[in-house]
Protein backbone atom coordinates (compact mmCIF):
# COMPACT_ATOMS: atom_id res chain seq x y z
CA MET A 1 -0.44 -0.13 -0.28
CA PRO A 2 1.40 3.65 -1.00
CA ASP A 3 2.59 6.15 2.04
CA ASN A 4 0.24 8.90 2.63
CA ALA A 5 1.82 12.00 1.36
CA ASP A 6 0.54 13.09 4.60
CA SER A 7 2.77 10.95 6.87
CA LEU A 8 5.83 11.23 4.28
CA PRO A 9 9.03 12.67 6.13
CA THR A 10 10.49 16.11 4.80
CA VAL A 11 13.67 15.15 4.98
CA THR A 12 15.79 11.70 4.44
CA ILE A 13 19.29 11.37 6.13
CA VAL A 14 21.32 8.85 4.13
CA MET A 15 24.20 7.79 6.73
CA PRO A 16 26.96 5.59 5.08
CA VAL A 17 28.37 2.88 8.13
CA TYR A 18 31.53 0.80 8.16
CA ASN A 19 33.14 0.34 11.35
CA GLY A 20 31.63 3.01 13.04
CA GLU A 21 31.28 2.09 16.54
CA CYS A 22 33.27 4.88 18.15
CA CYS A 23 31.79 7.79 16.52
CA LEU A 24 27.41 6.24 15.81
CA ASN A 25 26.47 7.51 18.85
CA ASP A 26 27.70 11.13 18.85
CA SER A 27 26.78 11.41 15.31
CA ILE A 28 23.26 10.10 15.66
CA GLY A 29 22.26 12.18 18.90
CA ASP A 30 23.17 14.91 16.56
CA ILE A 31 20.23 13.70 14.72
CA PHE A 32 18.18 13.08 17.40
CA ALA A 33 18.91 16.81 18.76
CA GLN A 34 17.76 18.59 15.95
CA SER A 35 15.38 21.26 16.65
CA TYR A 36 13.45 20.15 12.95
CA ARG A 37 11.24 17.06 13.06
CA ASN A 38 9.56 14.86 10.66
CA ILE A 39 13.16 13.20 9.81
CA GLU A 40 13.64 10.10 8.19
CA LEU A 41 17.43 8.95 8.99
CA ILE A 42 18.83 5.48 6.71
CA ALA A 43 21.43 4.05 8.04
CA VAL A 44 23.21 1.90 5.78
CA ASN A 45 25.65 -0.69 7.37
CA ASP A 46 27.95 -2.13 4.77
CA GLY A 47 28.91 -5.22 6.26
CA SER A 48 30.96 -3.66 9.49
CA SER A 49 33.02 -6.11 11.58
CA ASP A 50 32.79 -4.76 14.88
CA ASP A 51 29.88 -3.82 17.50
CA SER A 52 27.93 -1.02 14.66
CA GLY A 53 24.77 -3.04 14.03
CA GLU A 54 24.30 -4.00 17.73
CA ILE A 55 24.59 0.47 18.31
CA LEU A 56 22.12 1.00 15.62
CA ALA A 57 19.72 -1.65 16.83
CA LYS A 58 20.06 0.21 20.26
CA LEU A 59 19.76 3.47 18.66
CA CYS A 60 16.40 2.33 16.79
CA GLU A 61 14.52 2.00 20.41
CA LYS A 62 15.80 5.40 21.39
CA GLN A 63 13.95 7.31 18.43
CA PRO A 64 12.21 10.47 19.28
CA GLU A 65 9.55 11.47 18.27
CA GLY A 66 9.35 12.95 14.68
CA ILE A 67 12.71 11.22 14.20
CA GLU A 68 12.50 7.33 12.22
CA ILE A 69 15.61 5.08 12.14
CA LYS A 70 15.91 2.75 9.61
CA ALA A 71 18.99 0.68 9.96
CA VAL A 72 19.76 -2.22 7.14
CA THR A 73 22.82 -4.19 6.51
CA GLN A 74 24.23 -5.66 3.68
CA ILE A 75 27.54 -6.65 2.84
CA ASN A 76 30.47 -5.22 2.13
CA SER A 77 29.82 -3.41 -1.02
CA GLY A 78 31.63 0.03 -0.01
CA ILE A 79 30.35 3.95 -0.01
CA CYS A 80 28.78 4.34 -3.46
CA SER A 81 26.64 1.61 -2.69
CA ALA A 82 25.66 2.37 0.62
CA ARG A 83 25.05 5.45 0.20
CA ASN A 84 22.52 4.20 -3.52
CA ARG A 85 20.82 1.85 -0.91
CA GLY A 86 19.62 4.87 1.32
CA LEU A 87 18.43 6.48 -1.80
CA ASP A 88 16.29 3.40 -2.71
CA LEU A 89 14.30 3.49 0.49
CA ALA A 90 14.01 7.21 1.23
CA ARG A 91 10.82 8.97 1.40
CA GLY A 92 11.81 12.07 2.47
CA ARG A 93 11.15 15.75 -0.16
CA TYR A 94 14.78 16.03 0.66
CA ILE A 95 17.97 14.15 0.69
CA ALA A 96 20.39 15.39 2.88
CA PHE A 97 23.73 13.31 3.72
CA MET A 98 25.74 12.75 6.97
CA ASP A 99 29.29 10.28 7.26
CA GLN A 100 29.03 8.59 10.48
CA ASP A 101 31.97 10.52 11.92
CA ASP A 102 30.82 14.12 11.69
CA ARG A 103 28.94 16.59 14.21
CA MET A 104 25.97 18.59 13.06
CA PRO A 105 24.75 21.41 14.99
CA GLU A 106 21.11 21.65 16.14
CA ASP A 107 19.59 23.86 13.79
CA TYR A 108 21.29 22.34 10.34
CA VAL A 109 18.67 19.97 9.04
CA MET A 110 15.93 23.20 10.18
CA HIS A 111 18.37 25.86 8.44
CA LEU A 112 18.94 24.07 5.47
CA VAL A 113 14.85 23.53 4.75
CA LYS A 114 13.63 26.68 5.46
CA GLU A 115 15.89 27.69 2.48
CA MET A 116 15.21 24.85 0.35
CA GLU A 117 11.02 26.27 0.98
CA GLY A 118 11.87 30.03 1.79
CA THR A 119 10.99 32.26 -1.17
CA GLU A 120 9.19 35.08 -0.65
CA ASP A 121 9.26 36.81 -3.99
CA GLY A 122 7.33 34.36 -5.90
CA SER A 123 10.31 32.61 -7.97
CA ALA A 124 11.37 29.28 -8.22
CA LYS A 125 12.18 27.19 -4.98
CA PRO A 126 15.90 25.86 -5.46
CA ASP A 127 16.38 22.69 -6.60
CA ALA A 128 19.63 22.16 -3.99
CA VAL A 129 21.09 24.80 -1.25
CA ILE A 130 24.63 24.35 -0.86
CA GLY A 131 26.73 26.03 2.14
CA GLY A 132 29.59 26.12 3.64
CA ASN A 133 31.34 23.16 6.50
CA VAL A 134 33.17 23.43 9.93
CA GLU A 135 36.41 21.52 8.73
CA MET A 136 37.58 20.03 12.08
CA ARG A 137 41.27 18.37 12.09
CA LYS A 138 43.14 17.42 14.93
CA GLY A 139 41.27 19.23 16.93
CA LEU A 140 41.63 22.76 15.39
CA ARG A 141 38.31 23.94 13.72
CA THR A 142 38.28 26.33 11.13
CA ASN A 143 35.34 27.25 9.03
CA ARG A 144 35.49 27.25 5.14
CA ASP A 145 32.18 29.38 4.54
CA LEU A 146 30.89 29.69 1.19
CA GLU A 147 30.44 33.68 -0.60
CA PRO A 148 26.68 33.54 -1.49
CA ASP A 149 27.46 36.08 -4.65
CA MET A 150 30.07 34.87 -5.80
CA THR A 151 29.45 32.23 -8.68
CA TRP A 152 32.60 29.86 -8.08
CA SER A 153 31.11 29.27 -4.05
CA LEU A 154 28.65 26.24 -6.71
CA TYR A 155 32.02 24.75 -7.23
CA ARG A 156 33.77 24.78 -4.24
CA ASN A 157 32.68 22.14 -1.98
CA ASN A 158 32.52 18.09 -3.86
CA ALA A 159 30.89 16.50 -0.92
CA PRO A 160 27.58 15.61 -0.86
CA TRP A 161 27.54 16.60 2.92
CA GLY A 162 26.82 20.34 4.16
CA ARG A 163 23.87 21.05 1.15
CA MET A 164 20.60 19.72 0.68
CA PHE A 165 19.11 18.09 -2.35
CA ARG A 166 15.29 17.70 -4.11
CA ARG A 167 14.54 13.83 -4.09
CA THR A 168 12.47 14.14 -7.40
CA VAL A 169 15.65 15.16 -8.89
CA ILE A 170 17.39 12.66 -8.36
CA GLU A 171 14.45 10.26 -8.50
CA GLU A 172 13.51 11.79 -12.32
CA ASN A 173 16.69 11.60 -14.36
CA HIS A 174 18.07 8.30 -12.03
CA ILE A 175 21.17 9.94 -10.23
CA ARG A 176 23.35 7.44 -8.34
CA PHE A 177 26.51 7.21 -6.72
CA TYR A 178 28.99 5.90 -10.04
CA ASP A 179 30.76 2.85 -8.12
CA THR A 180 33.61 4.22 -8.07
CA ARG A 181 36.82 4.18 -6.08
CA ILE A 182 38.31 7.81 -6.52
CA SER A 183 35.80 11.03 -6.30
CA GLU A 184 32.37 9.23 -6.35
CA ASP A 185 30.80 12.77 -4.62
CA PHE A 186 32.32 14.46 -7.24
CA TYR A 187 30.53 13.16 -10.08
CA PHE A 188 27.35 12.94 -7.94
CA ASN A 189 27.12 16.23 -7.59
CA PHE A 190 27.70 17.91 -10.89
CA VAL A 191 25.86 15.18 -12.48
CA TYR A 192 22.75 16.83 -10.06
CA LEU A 193 23.56 20.15 -10.88
CA SER A 194 23.31 19.69 -14.16
CA PHE A 195 19.77 19.04 -13.94
CA CYS A 196 19.08 21.75 -11.65
CA ARG A 197 16.59 25.18 -12.55
CA LYS A 198 17.93 26.76 -9.59
CA VAL A 199 20.65 26.29 -6.66
CA LYS A 200 21.02 28.64 -3.48
CA VAL A 201 24.71 29.21 -1.80
CA VAL A 202 24.18 29.55 2.08
CA ALA A 203 27.84 31.35 3.92
CA GLN A 204 27.05 28.76 6.53
CA THR A 205 25.44 25.07 7.22
CA GLY A 206 27.72 24.72 10.44
CA TYR A 207 28.54 20.83 9.39
CA VAL A 208 31.40 19.77 10.97
CA TRP A 209 33.81 17.42 8.60
CA ARG A 210 35.88 15.97 11.05
CA ILE A 211 39.48 14.87 8.69
CA ASP A 212 40.57 11.19 10.05
CA GLU A 213 44.59 11.20 8.21
CA ARG A 214 44.64 7.75 8.68
CA SER A 215 41.59 7.54 6.48
CA GLU A 216 41.48 6.17 2.56
CA SER A 217 41.61 9.09 1.16
CA HIS A 218 44.71 10.11 3.14
CA SER A 219 46.44 7.38 2.90
CA GLY A 220 45.71 4.82 0.11
CA MET A 221 44.37 7.23 -2.58
CA ARG A 222 48.11 8.42 -2.94
CA ARG A 223 49.10 5.37 -4.40
CA TYR A 224 48.26 4.79 -8.20
CA SER A 225 45.79 2.33 -9.01
CA PRO A 226 43.88 1.57 -11.98
CA GLU A 227 40.64 1.21 -9.74
CA ARG A 228 41.34 5.15 -9.30
CA ASP A 229 41.03 6.39 -12.27
CA VAL A 230 40.05 9.74 -13.18
CA THR A 231 39.56 10.01 -17.32
CA GLU A 232 36.61 7.38 -16.47
CA MET A 233 34.90 8.80 -13.90
CA LEU A 234 35.27 12.04 -15.32
CA GLY A 235 34.50 10.63 -18.58
CA ARG A 236 31.10 8.68 -17.00
CA LEU A 237 30.02 12.54 -15.70
CA LEU A 238 30.15 13.70 -18.92
CA ALA A 239 28.04 11.25 -20.40
CA ASP A 240 25.84 11.17 -17.60
CA MET A 241 25.07 15.02 -17.05
CA ARG A 242 22.66 17.77 -18.61
CA THR A 243 24.44 19.51 -21.45
CA ILE A 244 25.61 22.69 -19.97
CA ASP A 245 23.73 25.21 -22.22
CA ASP A 246 22.35 29.10 -21.31
CA SER A 247 19.61 27.48 -18.64
CA SER A 248 21.82 25.55 -16.63
CA VAL A 249 22.88 26.62 -13.18
CA LEU A 250 26.32 25.74 -13.82
CA ASP A 251 28.96 27.65 -16.44
CA LYS A 252 30.65 25.81 -19.50
CA GLU A 253 34.28 28.14 -18.71
CA LEU A 254 34.07 27.27 -14.79
CA PHE A 255 33.26 23.97 -15.13
CA GLU A 256 35.70 23.14 -17.87
CA TYR A 257 38.71 24.89 -14.95
CA LEU A 258 37.36 22.38 -12.55
CA ILE A 259 37.89 19.92 -14.36
CA ILE A 260 41.63 20.95 -15.19
CA LYS A 261 41.89 21.68 -11.49
CA HIS A 262 40.10 18.06 -10.51
CA ILE A 263 43.04 16.52 -13.14
CA VAL A 264 45.64 18.32 -11.58
CA TRP A 265 44.65 17.59 -8.32
CA TYR A 266 44.90 13.84 -9.05
CA LEU A 267 48.25 14.20 -10.41
CA LEU A 268 49.61 15.54 -7.51
CA PHE A 269 47.95 13.05 -5.04
CA ILE A 270 48.85 10.36 -6.49
CA SER A 271 52.21 11.17 -7.06
CA GLU A 272 53.45 11.28 -3.48
CA GLY A 273 53.22 7.61 -3.03
CA SER A 274 53.80 5.88 -6.96
CA SER A 275 56.04 5.15 -8.94
CA SER A 276 57.53 7.79 -12.02
CA ARG A 277 55.88 4.81 -14.16
CA ASP A 278 52.80 4.45 -13.05
CA VAL A 279 52.92 9.42 -12.54
CA ARG A 280 53.63 9.29 -16.15
CA GLU A 281 51.24 6.63 -17.51
CA ALA A 282 48.48 8.51 -15.65
CA TYR A 283 49.65 11.44 -16.83
CA ASP A 284 49.19 11.21 -20.44
CA ARG A 285 45.78 9.59 -19.50
CA ALA A 286 44.43 12.33 -17.77
CA PHE A 287 45.73 15.12 -20.28
CA GLY A 288 45.38 12.82 -23.12
CA TRP A 289 41.41 12.56 -22.33
CA LEU A 290 41.51 16.59 -21.37
CA LYS A 291 42.79 17.65 -24.41
CA SER A 292 40.32 14.87 -26.52
CA ASN A 293 37.37 16.53 -24.46
CA PHE A 294 38.41 19.58 -23.86
CA PRO A 295 40.68 21.13 -26.70
CA ASP A 296 41.06 24.34 -25.99
CA TYR A 297 41.85 23.73 -22.37
CA ARG A 298 44.72 25.37 -22.66
CA HIS A 299 42.94 28.64 -23.42
CA ASN A 300 40.84 28.40 -20.64
CA SER A 301 39.92 32.17 -19.82
CA GLN A 302 39.73 31.67 -15.69
CA VAL A 303 42.98 29.40 -15.62
CA ARG A 304 45.29 32.85 -14.49
CA TRP A 305 46.94 34.48 -11.16
CA GLY A 306 43.52 35.94 -10.04
CA LYS A 307 40.66 33.76 -11.39
CA PRO A 308 38.62 32.32 -10.83
CA GLU A 309 36.92 34.60 -8.35
CA GLY A 310 36.23 33.02 -4.42
CA GLU A 311 38.83 30.29 -5.17
CA SER A 312 42.01 30.40 -2.47
CA ALA A 313 45.12 31.85 -3.58
CA GLY A 314 47.26 29.26 -2.77
CA VAL A 315 44.73 27.04 -5.56
CA ARG A 316 44.76 29.54 -8.16
CA HIS A 317 48.63 29.31 -8.34
CA ILE A 318 48.21 25.72 -8.17
CA VAL A 319 46.63 25.34 -11.30
CA THR A 320 47.88 27.97 -13.21
CA ILE A 321 51.44 26.94 -12.80
CA ALA A 322 50.29 23.00 -13.34
CA VAL A 323 49.23 24.11 -16.91
CA MET A 324 51.60 26.61 -17.95
CA MET A 325 54.31 23.76 -16.85
CA GLN A 326 51.84 21.22 -18.87
CA LYS A 327 52.36 24.07 -22.12
CA MET A 328 56.06 23.62 -21.68
CA ASN A 329 56.99 20.05 -21.23
CA LEU A 330 57.74 20.67 -17.86
CA PHE A 331 54.40 19.12 -15.47
CA LYS A 332 55.34 15.18 -16.53
CA PRO A 333 58.88 15.26 -15.52
CA PHE A 334 58.14 17.68 -12.50
CA LEU A 335 55.55 14.74 -11.20
CA ALA A 336 57.91 12.51 -12.06
CA LEU A 337 60.17 13.35 -9.98
CA ARG A 338 58.33 14.07 -6.87
CA SER A 339 57.18 10.72 -7.33
CA ILE A 340 60.54 9.56 -6.09
CA ARG A 341 60.97 10.77 -3.09
CA GLY A 342 56.84 10.57 -2.40
CA SER A 343 57.35 6.30 -3.59
CA LYS A 344 59.57 6.37 -0.34
CA GLU A 345 57.40 7.39 1.81
CA GLY A 346 54.10 5.66 1.30
CA GLN A 347 57.16 2.96 1.37
CA CYS A 348 57.68 3.85 5.00
CA TYR A 349 54.13 4.59 5.55
CA ASP A 350 53.14 0.65 5.31
CA ARG A 351 55.77 -0.39 7.37
CA GLN A 352 54.45 2.04 10.03
CA SER A 353 50.96 0.71 9.20
CA ASP A 354 51.91 -2.84 9.64
CA LYS A 355 53.35 -2.72 13.22
């Protein structure tokens, strides 16, 4: 029997869980404490080997009024599969994501829902709200605010958290996380944004991103792997997103710059712990793909010292210098030299991890 529309939750929060026994009481406790009610939490236990399942079961028994928990378990299939399972089960009008070790203030959901519904001038309501976040690293809190009037703010944060999506856009366009081990968030967000009619940027949501230096994205991702080929993800992105035109919220030049930046980031990142041969091969694939799909990328108007406006100065300089070096055929040998030191440090990291 179909759900009664009046009984449906307004917001579904999807949380992938994997060996999260140390933090689930805190993160889900923050959801319980939300000032906004009518929330559905779908926690997908992705084959945890610790006590995450038992903790989720106990939390289900404690769910407060107005907040419903669904805890489902699957064999370990990865974060993309877990998030997609949550999307398959979601019933809320709006979708939000939370990682198991992050935190959110009590007004987080209320603030985002208000922005999704709060147009007073009769204009169209946004299909997404994107906001800044708080970065927590080694006990230090840093506000990562966005500038609402800066076009580049739409491209700054590529994570699925710290924002809210409209479920009808996701379902009508069959959007899911692409099962890749690199930049699955990047893929999902920009496929989604390509189908949006309107997006609102807010300076801050208060979402707390807790960075774990021991995580896969901060250790294993520094070593090249065929499973983490950025060109495969980017190719799928271009195939699945709506074409950027005059009605799009995305800008062609800024999107192209974003792709250039992403490739530069990828090559710099893997060169920290890969062999020079692997780095050279990755370079050839990445820039070959870029030239094939964006033949005029070297003339992108945003690859300048002061652009794009709203991007951090450090990132602008890195991207500009990398493209300049690439034009002079110097970026490839630079990455290869960088990899010699990086691979030694990676071997040292592996030995420490084995202890």
